[in-house]
Amino acid sequence: MMCERCNKRDAINVVGGRRLCSICSKDEIGKRIKRELYPRKIIVHNDKILFAYPSYLSFIQEILRNIINKIYSRFNLQYYEITLEPQNSILDDIWNLIIKSKQFSEKNGINKIFLPFTADLLMAYLVYSITNQDYTYIQMIGLEYKVNNISFLIPFYNTSLYELQGFINNESNAIVTKDEIFNEILTWERDMLKENYELFHAFHNSKKLLETGRKDYRCEGCGGMINSPVKYCARCSLIYSSPPY
């Protein structure tokens, strides 16, 4: 089938409801990210930007960095990067990523951190949270997650891995964590939604249902939701409440 935008090349995937070729799909994704970031003026000239990610998202991070570099080519941005090895739990991965990138940013005068989380990963996390009744990082489902004065930016929050196929040369690229339950949810999600990827643009409203009626207590260390008005969550209390040596 021909690309529905240019009518010149074969379509390879569906982006925004239209079957597009590799060139047009990449252009559409770039425009989508620009529409999310530009009006908010989140990035300014001479900004310091940190890209933080677990190693299993390295191929998505490369795509994200190339898009950001293209959009902000005239902004004279300074790029930094940290890669973390995965833990056995997706919750530990998220916590570790927030804390390590936050510590790095505070030392280097950075307040913008880009995370290469896709809609696939965030939807799987939503299902994972409901299954485990643990909604610690449910507020990460969206474009921006703030911890104190640091903004964690997730430009692919409404873009699935399938929509990024125009950027991916290796068809075997997939998100595989060390959390087996989370991996099973990702596989189920991919199989069940392979013909209806538009759901990745609509699931974000579900987090509002989970937030309704909950006290807005947030950990001062990682920003995660907690059930009582204490300063830190259980994970952060181990590092922030420990006596100095």
C-alpha atoms as a PDB file:
ATOM      1  CA  MET A   1       0.000   0.000   0.000  1.00  0.00           C
ATOM      2  CA  MET A   2       1.249   3.480  -0.890  1.00  0.00           C
ATOM      3  CA  CYS A   3       1.972   6.175   1.668  1.00  0.00           C
ATOM      4  CA  GLU A   4      -1.196   8.193   2.279  1.00  0.00           C
ATOM      5  CA  ARG A   5       0.772  11.411   2.630  1.00  0.00           C
ATOM      6  CA  CYS A   6       3.274  11.511  -0.259  1.00  0.00           C
ATOM      7  CA  ASN A   7       1.811   8.786  -2.527  1.00  0.00           C
ATOM      8  CA  LYS A   8       5.360   8.045  -3.679  1.00  0.00           C
ATOM      9  CA  ARG A   9       6.681   5.280  -1.439  1.00  0.00           C
ATOM     10  CA  ASP A  10       5.368   2.105   0.184  1.00  0.00           C
ATOM     11  CA  ALA A  11       3.777   2.552   3.604  1.00  0.00           C
ATOM     12  CA  ILE A  12       5.544   0.776   6.476  1.00  0.00           C
ATOM     13  CA  ASN A  13       3.392   1.669   9.494  1.00  0.00           C
ATOM     14  CA  VAL A  14       0.500   3.754  10.792  1.00  0.00           C
ATOM     15  CA  VAL A  15       1.127   7.137  12.425  1.00  0.00           C
ATOM     16  CA  GLY A  16      -1.755   9.250  13.623  1.00  0.00           C
ATOM     17  CA  GLY A  17      -4.252   7.027  11.796  1.00  0.00           C
ATOM     18  CA  ARG A  18      -2.536   7.211   8.408  1.00  0.00           C
ATOM     19  CA  ARG A  19      -0.392   4.620   6.659  1.00  0.00           C
ATOM     20  CA  LEU A  20       2.946   6.282   5.990  1.00  0.00           C
ATOM     21  CA  CYS A  21       6.311   5.529   4.438  1.00  0.00           C
ATOM     22  CA  SER A  22       9.539   5.721   6.437  1.00  0.00           C
ATOM     23  CA  ILE A  23      10.322   9.315   5.461  1.00  0.00           C
ATOM     24  CA  CYS A  24       6.825  10.658   6.126  1.00  0.00           C
ATOM     25  CA  SER A  25       6.413   8.743   9.393  1.00  0.00           C
ATOM     26  CA  LYS A  26       9.672  10.204  10.727  1.00  0.00           C
ATOM     27  CA  ASP A  27       8.557  13.676   9.711  1.00  0.00           C
ATOM     28  CA  GLU A  28       5.165  13.229  11.401  1.00  0.00           C
ATOM     29  CA  ILE A  29       6.762  12.053  14.646  1.00  0.00           C
ATOM     30  CA  GLY A  30       9.173  14.995  14.598  1.00  0.00           C
ATOM     31  CA  LYS A  31       6.277  17.424  14.130  1.00  0.00           C
ATOM     32  CA  ARG A  32       4.323  15.739  16.945  1.00  0.00           C
ATOM     33  CA  ILE A  33       7.209  16.203  19.382  1.00  0.00           C
ATOM     34  CA  LYS A  34       7.693  19.802  18.296  1.00  0.00           C
ATOM     35  CA  ARG A  35       3.992  20.545  18.858  1.00  0.00           C
ATOM     36  CA  GLU A  36       4.278  19.172  22.390  1.00  0.00           C
ATOM     37  CA  LEU A  37       7.420  21.055  23.389  1.00  0.00           C
ATOM     38  CA  TYR A  38       7.585  24.312  21.419  1.00  0.00           C
ATOM     39  CA  PRO A  39       4.397  26.079  22.621  1.00  0.00           C
ATOM     40  CA  ARG A  40       5.316  25.405  26.244  1.00  0.00           C
ATOM     41  CA  LYS A  41       8.795  26.929  25.783  1.00  0.00           C
ATOM     42  CA  ILE A  42      10.195  24.131  27.909  1.00  0.00           C
ATOM     43  CA  ILE A  43      13.606  24.302  26.209  1.00  0.00           C
ATOM     44  CA  VAL A  44      15.422  27.630  25.942  1.00  0.00           C
ATOM     45  CA  HIS A  45      18.676  28.743  24.308  1.00  0.00           C
ATOM     46  CA  ASN A  46      21.874  27.411  25.899  1.00  0.00           C
ATOM     47  CA  ASP A  47      19.953  24.909  28.032  1.00  0.00           C
ATOM     48  CA  LYS A  48      21.688  21.925  29.566  1.00  0.00           C
ATOM     49  CA  ILE A  49      19.860  18.712  28.682  1.00  0.00           C
ATOM     50  CA  LEU A  50      20.309  15.288  30.224  1.00  0.00           C
ATOM     51  CA  PHE A  51      19.244  12.076  28.477  1.00  0.00           C
ATOM     52  CA  ALA A  52      18.809   9.329  31.077  1.00  0.00           C
ATOM     53  CA  TYR A  53      17.765   5.768  30.328  1.00  0.00           C
ATOM     54  CA  PRO A  54      18.118   2.102  31.276  1.00  0.00           C
ATOM     55  CA  SER A  55      20.262   0.185  28.793  1.00  0.00           C
ATOM     56  CA  TYR A  56      17.285  -1.677  27.287  1.00  0.00           C
ATOM     57  CA  LEU A  57      15.944   1.677  25.996  1.00  0.00           C
ATOM     58  CA  SER A  58      19.203   2.778  24.357  1.00  0.00           C
ATOM     59  CA  PHE A  59      17.847   2.414  20.810  1.00  0.00           C
ATOM     60  CA  ILE A  60      14.829   4.595  21.661  1.00  0.00           C
ATOM     61  CA  GLN A  61      17.046   7.145  23.385  1.00  0.00           C
ATOM     62  CA  GLU A  62      19.075   7.498  20.187  1.00  0.00           C
ATOM     63  CA  ILE A  63      15.898   8.224  18.219  1.00  0.00           C
ATOM     64  CA  LEU A  64      14.746  10.772  20.785  1.00  0.00           C
ATOM     65  CA  ARG A  65      18.085  12.535  20.921  1.00  0.00           C
ATOM     66  CA  ASN A  66      18.251  12.852  17.123  1.00  0.00           C
ATOM     67  CA  ILE A  67      14.741  14.342  17.047  1.00  0.00           C
ATOM     68  CA  ILE A  68      15.491  16.831  19.843  1.00  0.00           C
ATOM     69  CA  ASN A  69      18.781  17.782  18.194  1.00  0.00           C
ATOM     70  CA  LYS A  70      16.982  18.454  14.913  1.00  0.00           C
ATOM     71  CA  ILE A  71      14.157  20.481  16.481  1.00  0.00           C
ATOM     72  CA  TYR A  72      16.517  22.598  18.575  1.00  0.00           C
ATOM     73  CA  SER A  73      19.470  22.758  16.176  1.00  0.00           C
ATOM     74  CA  ARG A  74      19.810  26.529  16.641  1.00  0.00           C
ATOM     75  CA  PHE A  75      19.488  26.563  20.422  1.00  0.00           C
ATOM     76  CA  ASN A  76      23.125  25.774  21.262  1.00  0.00           C
ATOM     77  CA  LEU A  77      22.114  23.076  23.729  1.00  0.00           C
ATOM     78  CA  GLN A  78      24.583  21.196  25.898  1.00  0.00           C
ATOM     79  CA  TYR A  79      23.874  17.457  25.988  1.00  0.00           C
ATOM     80  CA  TYR A  80      24.665  15.047  28.785  1.00  0.00           C
ATOM     81  CA  GLU A  81      23.867  11.357  29.027  1.00  0.00           C
ATOM     82  CA  ILE A  82      23.735   8.604  31.632  1.00  0.00           C
ATOM     83  CA  THR A  83      22.928   4.928  31.109  1.00  0.00           C
ATOM     84  CA  LEU A  84      21.845   2.646  33.934  1.00  0.00           C
ATOM     85  CA  GLU A  85      21.844  -1.117  34.121  1.00  0.00           C
ATOM     86  CA  PRO A  86      18.392  -2.636  34.701  1.00  0.00           C
ATOM     87  CA  GLN A  87      17.171  -3.874  38.067  1.00  0.00           C
ATOM     88  CA  ASN A  88      14.927  -6.884  38.650  1.00  0.00           C
ATOM     89  CA  SER A  89      11.806  -4.718  39.054  1.00  0.00           C
ATOM     90  CA  ILE A  90      10.436  -2.017  36.753  1.00  0.00           C
ATOM     91  CA  LEU A  91       9.667   0.039  39.872  1.00  0.00           C
ATOM     92  CA  ASP A  92      13.317  -0.168  40.890  1.00  0.00           C
ATOM     93  CA  ASP A  93      14.321   0.819  37.350  1.00  0.00           C
ATOM     94  CA  ILE A  94      12.142   3.926  37.468  1.00  0.00           C
ATOM     95  CA  TRP A  95      13.247   4.887  40.972  1.00  0.00           C
ATOM     96  CA  ASN A  96      16.923   4.351  40.151  1.00  0.00           C
ATOM     97  CA  LEU A  97      16.591   6.393  36.966  1.00  0.00           C
ATOM     98  CA  ILE A  98      14.924   9.302  38.763  1.00  0.00           C
ATOM     99  CA  ILE A  99      17.369   9.381  41.672  1.00  0.00           C
ATOM    100  CA  LYS A 100      20.602   8.907  39.683  1.00  0.00           C
ATOM    101  CA  SER A 101      19.645  11.423  36.997  1.00  0.00           C
ATOM    102  CA  LYS A 102      18.421  13.887  39.655  1.00  0.00           C
ATOM    103  CA  GLN A 103      21.718  13.635  41.534  1.00  0.00           C
ATOM    104  CA  PHE A 104      23.695  14.101  38.313  1.00  0.00           C
ATOM    105  CA  SER A 105      21.562  17.087  37.322  1.00  0.00           C
ATOM    106  CA  GLU A 106      21.910  18.817  40.677  1.00  0.00           C
ATOM    107  CA  LYS A 107      25.701  18.520  40.457  1.00  0.00           C
ATOM    108  CA  ASN A 108      25.824  19.878  36.903  1.00  0.00           C
ATOM    109  CA  GLY A 109      23.214  22.641  36.997  1.00  0.00           C
ATOM    110  CA  ILE A 110      20.660  20.775  34.833  1.00  0.00           C
ATOM    111  CA  ASN A 111      16.876  21.002  35.249  1.00  0.00           C
ATOM    112  CA  LYS A 112      15.650  19.244  32.070  1.00  0.00           C
ATOM    113  CA  ILE A 113      15.895  15.454  31.847  1.00  0.00           C
ATOM    114  CA  PHE A 114      14.626  13.527  28.822  1.00  0.00           C
ATOM    115  CA  LEU A 115      13.395   9.960  29.349  1.00  0.00           C
ATOM    116  CA  PRO A 116      12.834   7.666  26.313  1.00  0.00           C
ATOM    117  CA  PHE A 117       9.643   6.085  27.664  1.00  0.00           C
ATOM    118  CA  THR A 118       7.194   5.171  24.897  1.00  0.00           C
ATOM    119  CA  ALA A 119       3.419   4.830  25.110  1.00  0.00           C
ATOM    120  CA  ASP A 120       3.901   1.031  25.087  1.00  0.00           C
ATOM    121  CA  LEU A 121       6.029   1.140  28.211  1.00  0.00           C
ATOM    122  CA  LEU A 122       3.748   3.595  30.012  1.00  0.00           C
ATOM    123  CA  MET A 123       0.595   1.633  29.216  1.00  0.00           C
ATOM    124  CA  ALA A 124       2.286  -1.553  30.416  1.00  0.00           C
ATOM    125  CA  TYR A 125       3.252   0.282  33.601  1.00  0.00           C
ATOM    126  CA  LEU A 126      -0.389   1.351  34.060  1.00  0.00           C
ATOM    127  CA  VAL A 127      -1.517  -2.287  33.841  1.00  0.00           C
ATOM    128  CA  TYR A 128       1.361  -3.332  36.096  1.00  0.00           C
ATOM    129  CA  SER A 129       0.340  -0.708  38.677  1.00  0.00           C
ATOM    130  CA  ILE A 130      -3.276  -1.852  38.709  1.00  0.00           C
ATOM    131  CA  THR A 131      -2.200  -5.484  39.013  1.00  0.00           C
ATOM    132  CA  ASN A 132       0.090  -4.758  41.968  1.00  0.00           C
ATOM    133  CA  GLN A 133      -2.042  -1.969  43.480  1.00  0.00           C
ATOM    134  CA  ASP A 134       1.092   0.193  43.519  1.00  0.00           C
ATOM    135  CA  TYR A 135       0.592   3.591  41.878  1.00  0.00           C
ATOM    136  CA  THR A 136       3.880   5.191  42.958  1.00  0.00           C
ATOM    137  CA  TYR A 137       4.837   6.621  39.568  1.00  0.00           C
ATOM    138  CA  ILE A 138       1.423   6.869  37.931  1.00  0.00           C
ATOM    139  CA  GLN A 139       1.957  10.610  37.460  1.00  0.00           C
ATOM    140  CA  MET A 140       4.750   9.849  35.013  1.00  0.00           C
ATOM    141  CA  ILE A 141       2.116   8.959  32.432  1.00  0.00           C
ATOM    142  CA  GLY A 142       2.252  12.212  30.513  1.00  0.00           C
ATOM    143  CA  LEU A 143       4.649  14.703  28.945  1.00  0.00           C
ATOM    144  CA  GLU A 144       6.171  16.139  32.113  1.00  0.00           C
ATOM    145  CA  TYR A 145       6.929  14.786  35.573  1.00  0.00           C
ATOM    146  CA  LYS A 146       8.332  17.285  38.062  1.00  0.00           C
ATOM    147  CA  VAL A 147      10.450  16.588  41.099  1.00  0.00           C
ATOM    148  CA  ASN A 148      11.208  19.788  42.973  1.00  0.00           C
ATOM    149  CA  ASN A 149      12.649  22.123  40.297  1.00  0.00           C
ATOM    150  CA  ILE A 150      13.635  19.390  37.846  1.00  0.00           C
ATOM    151  CA  SER A 151      11.448  18.481  34.867  1.00  0.00           C
ATOM    152  CA  PHE A 152      11.501  14.929  33.573  1.00  0.00           C
ATOM    153  CA  LEU A 153      10.275  15.132  29.981  1.00  0.00           C
ATOM    154  CA  ILE A 154       8.707  12.164  28.173  1.00  0.00           C
ATOM    155  CA  PRO A 155       8.064  13.252  24.549  1.00  0.00           C
ATOM    156  CA  PHE A 156       7.103   9.712  23.432  1.00  0.00           C
ATOM    157  CA  TYR A 157       4.382   9.400  26.100  1.00  0.00           C
ATOM    158  CA  ASN A 158       1.753   9.166  23.317  1.00  0.00           C
ATOM    159  CA  THR A 159       3.941   7.527  20.671  1.00  0.00           C
ATOM    160  CA  SER A 160       4.183   3.755  20.449  1.00  0.00           C
ATOM    161  CA  LEU A 161       7.183   1.710  19.398  1.00  0.00           C
ATOM    162  CA  TYR A 162       5.213   0.698  16.306  1.00  0.00           C
ATOM    163  CA  GLU A 163       4.921   4.340  15.256  1.00  0.00           C
ATOM    164  CA  LEU A 164       8.703   4.674  15.548  1.00  0.00           C
ATOM    165  CA  GLN A 165       9.346   1.933  12.968  1.00  0.00           C
ATOM    166  CA  GLY A 166      10.457   4.530  10.422  1.00  0.00           C
ATOM    167  CA  PHE A 167      13.508   5.192  12.602  1.00  0.00           C
ATOM    168  CA  ILE A 168      14.313   1.556  13.380  1.00  0.00           C
ATOM    169  CA  ASN A 169      16.413  -0.513  10.990  1.00  0.00           C
ATOM    170  CA  ASN A 170      16.563  -3.652  13.112  1.00  0.00           C
ATOM    171  CA  GLU A 171      13.143  -5.325  13.306  1.00  0.00           C
ATOM    172  CA  SER A 172      14.222  -7.315  16.366  1.00  0.00           C
ATOM    173  CA  ASN A 173      14.388  -4.179  18.537  1.00  0.00           C
ATOM    174  CA  ALA A 174      11.971  -4.583  21.414  1.00  0.00           C
ATOM    175  CA  ILE A 175      11.674  -3.409  24.997  1.00  0.00           C
ATOM    176  CA  VAL A 176      12.873  -6.211  27.282  1.00  0.00           C
ATOM    177  CA  THR A 177      13.423  -5.519  30.974  1.00  0.00           C
ATOM    178  CA  LYS A 178      14.599  -7.800  33.787  1.00  0.00           C
ATOM    179  CA  ASP A 179      11.104  -7.776  35.263  1.00  0.00           C
ATOM    180  CA  GLU A 180       9.453 -10.911  33.843  1.00  0.00           C
ATOM    181  CA  ILE A 181       5.926  -9.873  34.806  1.00  0.00           C
ATOM    182  CA  PHE A 182       6.380  -6.512  33.132  1.00  0.00           C
ATOM    183  CA  ASN A 183       7.741  -8.245  30.022  1.00  0.00           C
ATOM    184  CA  GLU A 184       4.666 -10.480  29.892  1.00  0.00           C
ATOM    185  CA  ILE A 185       2.434  -7.413  30.003  1.00  0.00           C
ATOM    186  CA  LEU A 186       4.422  -5.814  27.169  1.00  0.00           C
ATOM    187  CA  THR A 187       4.048  -8.981  25.069  1.00  0.00           C
ATOM    188  CA  TRP A 188       0.315  -9.248  25.812  1.00  0.00           C
ATOM    189  CA  GLU A 189      -0.121  -5.572  24.966  1.00  0.00           C
ATOM    190  CA  ARG A 190       1.736  -5.917  21.671  1.00  0.00           C
ATOM    191  CA  ASP A 191      -0.283  -8.976  20.631  1.00  0.00           C
ATOM    192  CA  MET A 192      -3.671  -7.594  21.687  1.00  0.00           C
ATOM    193  CA  LEU A 193      -3.256  -4.111  20.242  1.00  0.00           C
ATOM    194  CA  LYS A 194      -1.350  -4.846  17.056  1.00  0.00           C
ATOM    195  CA  GLU A 195      -4.391  -3.907  14.981  1.00  0.00           C
ATOM    196  CA  ASN A 196      -5.507  -1.003  17.154  1.00  0.00           C
ATOM    197  CA  TYR A 197      -2.488   1.113  17.982  1.00  0.00           C
ATOM    198  CA  GLU A 198      -4.618   4.247  18.306  1.00  0.00           C
ATOM    199  CA  LEU A 199      -5.406   3.126  21.860  1.00  0.00           C
ATOM    200  CA  PHE A 200      -1.912   4.285  22.771  1.00  0.00           C
ATOM    201  CA  HIS A 201      -3.165   7.843  22.276  1.00  0.00           C
ATOM    202  CA  ALA A 202      -6.130   7.445  24.608  1.00  0.00           C
ATOM    203  CA  PHE A 203      -5.086   5.431  27.668  1.00  0.00           C
ATOM    204  CA  HIS A 204      -3.581   8.426  29.524  1.00  0.00           C
ATOM    205  CA  ASN A 205      -6.970   9.499  30.879  1.00  0.00           C
ATOM    206  CA  SER A 206      -7.093   6.284  32.903  1.00  0.00           C
ATOM    207  CA  LYS A 207      -4.523   7.623  35.336  1.00  0.00           C
ATOM    208  CA  LYS A 208      -6.997  10.327  36.413  1.00  0.00           C
ATOM    209  CA  LEU A 209      -9.343   7.596  37.648  1.00  0.00           C
ATOM    210  CA  LEU A 210      -6.553   6.123  39.750  1.00  0.00           C
ATOM    211  CA  GLU A 211      -5.624   9.524  41.173  1.00  0.00           C
ATOM    212  CA  THR A 212      -9.218  10.407  42.122  1.00  0.00           C
ATOM    213  CA  GLY A 213      -9.863  10.264  45.852  1.00  0.00           C
ATOM    214  CA  ARG A 214      -6.193   9.811  46.727  1.00  0.00           C
ATOM    215  CA  LYS A 215      -4.314  12.237  48.964  1.00  0.00           C
ATOM    216  CA  ASP A 216      -1.684  14.127  46.996  1.00  0.00           C
ATOM    217  CA  TYR A 217       1.287  13.060  49.099  1.00  0.00           C
ATOM    218  CA  ARG A 218       4.503  12.927  47.115  1.00  0.00           C
ATOM    219  CA  CYS A 219       7.977  11.791  48.076  1.00  0.00           C
ATOM    220  CA  GLU A 220      10.449  14.673  48.198  1.00  0.00           C
ATOM    221  CA  GLY A 221      13.182  12.444  46.816  1.00  0.00           C
ATOM    222  CA  CYS A 222      11.669  10.773  43.740  1.00  0.00           C
ATOM    223  CA  GLY A 223       8.283  12.499  43.461  1.00  0.00           C
ATOM    224  CA  GLY A 224       6.429   9.202  43.754  1.00  0.00           C
ATOM    225  CA  MET A 225       2.955   9.032  45.270  1.00  0.00           C
ATOM    226  CA  ILE A 226       2.864   7.887  48.893  1.00  0.00           C
ATOM    227  CA  ASN A 227      -0.002   7.074  51.263  1.00  0.00           C
ATOM    228  CA  SER A 228       0.901   9.278  54.215  1.00  0.00           C
ATOM    229  CA  PRO A 229       2.349  12.764  54.822  1.00  0.00           C
ATOM    230  CA  VAL A 230       5.907  11.588  55.395  1.00  0.00           C
ATOM    231  CA  LYS A 231       8.925  13.153  53.728  1.00  0.00           C
ATOM    232  CA  TYR A 232      10.215  10.157  51.763  1.00  0.00           C
ATOM    233  CA  CYS A 233       8.949   6.918  50.245  1.00  0.00           C
ATOM    234  CA  ALA A 234      10.377   3.609  51.485  1.00  0.00           C
ATOM    235  CA  ARG A 235      13.084   3.534  48.807  1.00  0.00           C
ATOM    236  CA  CYS A 236      14.206   7.136  49.254  1.00  0.00           C
ATOM    237  CA  SER A 237      14.179   6.906  53.050  1.00  0.00           C
ATOM    238  CA  LEU A 238      17.025   4.388  52.796  1.00  0.00           C
ATOM    239  CA  ILE A 239      19.336   6.938  51.166  1.00  0.00           C
ATOM    240  CA  TYR A 240      18.054  10.303  52.371  1.00  0.00           C
ATOM    241  CA  SER A 241      17.310   9.398  55.979  1.00  0.00           C
ATOM    242  CA  SER A 242      20.528   7.460  56.576  1.00  0.00           C
ATOM    243  CA  PRO A 243      22.861   9.078  59.134  1.00  0.00           C
ATOM    244  CA  PRO A 244      26.058  10.597  57.689  1.00  0.00           C
ATOM    245  CA  TYR A 245      29.269   8.635  58.019  1.00  0.00           C
END
